[in-house]
Amino acid sequence: MKEILPFIHELPTRVLLITPAFFLLFMGIAVWVYRKDRKAQYEETAHLPLEQE
């Protein structure tokens, strides 16, 4: 591992902790957005501009 990332010990601790945390947050939001049970809500929202008043 030291050969792959020789500068890892030079990075601040907060960077090493925050980067994976934000990646997990991003993945969680992506999973939440693309769930199958939200498809009906997205389909309904997609047709809103086409509805007549």
N, C-alpha and C. Protein backbone atom coordinates (compact mmCIF):
# COMPACT_ATOMS: atom_id res chain seq x y z
N MET A 1 0.83 -1.19 0.00
CA MET A 1 0.00 0.00 0.00
C MET A 1 0.87 1.26 0.00
N LYS A 2 2.00 1.20 0.67
CA LYS A 2 2.88 2.36 0.71
C LYS A 2 3.42 2.71 -0.67
N GLU A 3 3.59 1.69 -1.52
CA GLU A 3 4.10 1.96 -2.86
C GLU A 3 3.03 2.61 -3.73
N ILE A 4 1.76 2.28 -3.46
CA ILE A 4 0.66 2.82 -4.26
C ILE A 4 0.35 4.25 -3.87
N LEU A 5 0.25 4.51 -2.58
CA LEU A 5 -0.07 5.85 -2.08
C LEU A 5 1.01 6.33 -1.11
N PRO A 6 2.15 6.76 -1.64
CA PRO A 6 3.23 7.15 -0.74
C PRO A 6 2.94 8.43 0.04
N PHE A 7 2.02 9.26 -0.43
CA PHE A 7 1.74 10.54 0.22
C PHE A 7 0.59 10.46 1.22
N ILE A 8 0.06 9.28 1.49
CA ILE A 8 -1.12 9.14 2.35
C ILE A 8 -0.87 9.68 3.75
N HIS A 9 0.35 9.59 4.24
CA HIS A 9 0.65 10.05 5.60
C HIS A 9 0.77 11.57 5.67
N GLU A 10 0.85 12.23 4.52
CA GLU A 10 0.96 13.68 4.49
C GLU A 10 -0.41 14.37 4.47
N LEU A 11 -1.46 13.62 4.19
CA LEU A 11 -2.79 14.21 4.13
C LEU A 11 -3.33 14.46 5.55
N PRO A 12 -4.07 15.56 5.72
CA PRO A 12 -4.68 15.81 7.03
C PRO A 12 -5.71 14.74 7.37
N THR A 13 -5.88 14.49 8.65
CA THR A 13 -6.80 13.45 9.11
C THR A 13 -8.22 13.73 8.66
N ARG A 14 -8.62 15.00 8.69
CA ARG A 14 -10.01 15.32 8.32
C ARG A 14 -10.30 14.97 6.86
N VAL A 15 -9.31 15.10 6.00
CA VAL A 15 -9.49 14.73 4.59
C VAL A 15 -9.69 13.22 4.48
N LEU A 16 -8.92 12.48 5.25
CA LEU A 16 -9.02 11.02 5.21
C LEU A 16 -10.35 10.53 5.77
N LEU A 17 -10.99 11.30 6.62
CA LEU A 17 -12.27 10.91 7.20
C LEU A 17 -13.46 11.45 6.39
N ILE A 18 -13.34 12.67 5.91
CA ILE A 18 -14.47 13.31 5.23
C ILE A 18 -14.68 12.73 3.82
N THR A 19 -13.62 12.40 3.12
CA THR A 19 -13.76 11.90 1.75
C THR A 19 -14.60 10.62 1.69
N PRO A 20 -14.31 9.59 2.48
CA PRO A 20 -15.18 8.41 2.44
C PRO A 20 -16.58 8.69 2.95
N ALA A 21 -16.71 9.61 3.90
CA ALA A 21 -18.04 9.95 4.42
C ALA A 21 -18.90 10.57 3.32
N PHE A 22 -18.34 11.50 2.56
CA PHE A 22 -19.10 12.11 1.47
C PHE A 22 -19.38 11.12 0.34
N PHE A 23 -18.46 10.20 0.10
CA PHE A 23 -18.70 9.17 -0.91
C PHE A 23 -19.87 8.29 -0.49
N LEU A 24 -19.91 7.88 0.78
CA LEU A 24 -21.03 7.07 1.27
C LEU A 24 -22.34 7.85 1.22
N LEU A 25 -22.28 9.14 1.53
CA LEU A 25 -23.47 9.99 1.44
C LEU A 25 -23.96 10.05 -0.01
N PHE A 26 -23.05 10.24 -0.95
CA PHE A 26 -23.40 10.27 -2.37
C PHE A 26 -24.04 8.96 -2.82
N MET A 27 -23.45 7.84 -2.42
CA MET A 27 -23.99 6.54 -2.79
C MET A 27 -25.37 6.32 -2.17
N GLY A 28 -25.55 6.76 -0.93
CA GLY A 28 -26.85 6.64 -0.28
C GLY A 28 -27.92 7.43 -1.00
N ILE A 29 -27.59 8.65 -1.41
CA ILE A 29 -28.55 9.48 -2.14
C ILE A 29 -28.86 8.86 -3.50
N ALA A 30 -27.84 8.33 -4.17
CA ALA A 30 -28.06 7.70 -5.48
C ALA A 30 -28.98 6.49 -5.35
N VAL A 31 -28.78 5.68 -4.33
CA VAL A 31 -29.65 4.51 -4.12
C VAL A 31 -31.06 4.97 -3.81
N TRP A 32 -31.20 6.02 -3.00
CA TRP A 32 -32.53 6.53 -2.64
C TRP A 32 -33.26 7.07 -3.88
N VAL A 33 -32.56 7.76 -4.74
CA VAL A 33 -33.18 8.36 -5.93
C VAL A 33 -33.61 7.29 -6.92
N TYR A 34 -32.81 6.26 -7.10
CA TYR A 34 -33.08 5.26 -8.13
C TYR A 34 -33.82 4.03 -7.61
N ARG A 35 -34.46 4.13 -6.45
CA ARG A 35 -35.26 2.99 -5.95
C ARG A 35 -36.44 2.75 -6.87
N LYS A 36 -36.86 1.50 -6.96
CA LYS A 36 -37.98 1.15 -7.85
C LYS A 36 -39.30 1.70 -7.34
N ASP A 37 -39.47 1.82 -6.03
CA ASP A 37 -40.75 2.28 -5.51
C ASP A 37 -40.96 3.78 -5.73
N ARG A 38 -39.96 4.51 -6.18
CA ARG A 38 -40.12 5.94 -6.49
C ARG A 38 -40.49 6.17 -7.96
N LYS A 39 -40.53 5.12 -8.75
CA LYS A 39 -40.79 5.26 -10.18
C LYS A 39 -42.16 5.90 -10.44
N ALA A 40 -43.16 5.50 -9.68
CA ALA A 40 -44.50 6.06 -9.88
C ALA A 40 -44.51 7.56 -9.59
N GLN A 41 -43.80 7.98 -8.58
CA GLN A 41 -43.75 9.40 -8.26
C GLN A 41 -43.05 10.18 -9.39
N TYR A 42 -41.99 9.63 -9.94
CA TYR A 42 -41.29 10.31 -11.03
C TYR A 42 -42.14 10.36 -12.30
N GLU A 43 -42.89 9.31 -12.56
CA GLU A 43 -43.76 9.30 -13.73
C GLU A 43 -44.86 10.36 -13.59
N GLU A 44 -45.42 10.47 -12.40
CA GLU A 44 -46.45 11.48 -12.14
C GLU A 44 -45.88 12.89 -12.30
N THR A 45 -44.70 13.10 -11.79
CA THR A 45 -44.05 14.40 -11.89
C THR A 45 -43.70 14.73 -13.34
N ALA A 46 -43.34 13.74 -14.12
CA ALA A 46 -42.98 13.97 -15.52
C ALA A 46 -44.15 14.46 -16.33
N HIS A 47 -45.38 14.10 -15.94
CA HIS A 47 -46.56 14.49 -16.72
C HIS A 47 -47.18 15.80 -16.26
N LEU A 48 -46.67 16.39 -15.19
CA LEU A 48 -47.23 17.64 -14.68
C LEU A 48 -47.20 18.78 -15.72
N PRO A 49 -46.12 18.99 -16.45
CA PRO A 49 -46.13 20.09 -17.42
C PRO A 49 -47.13 19.88 -18.57
N LEU A 50 -47.57 18.65 -18.79
CA LEU A 50 -48.46 18.36 -19.90
C LEU A 50 -49.94 18.52 -19.53
N GLU A 51 -50.24 18.61 -18.24
CA GLU A 51 -51.64 18.69 -17.81
C GLU A 51 -52.22 20.08 -18.11
N GLN A 52 -53.48 20.08 -18.51
CA GLN A 52 -54.18 21.34 -18.78
C GLN A 52 -54.88 21.80 -17.49
N GLU A 53 -54.95 23.11 -17.32
CA GLU A 53 -55.61 23.63 -16.13
C GLU A 53 -57.11 23.70 -16.29
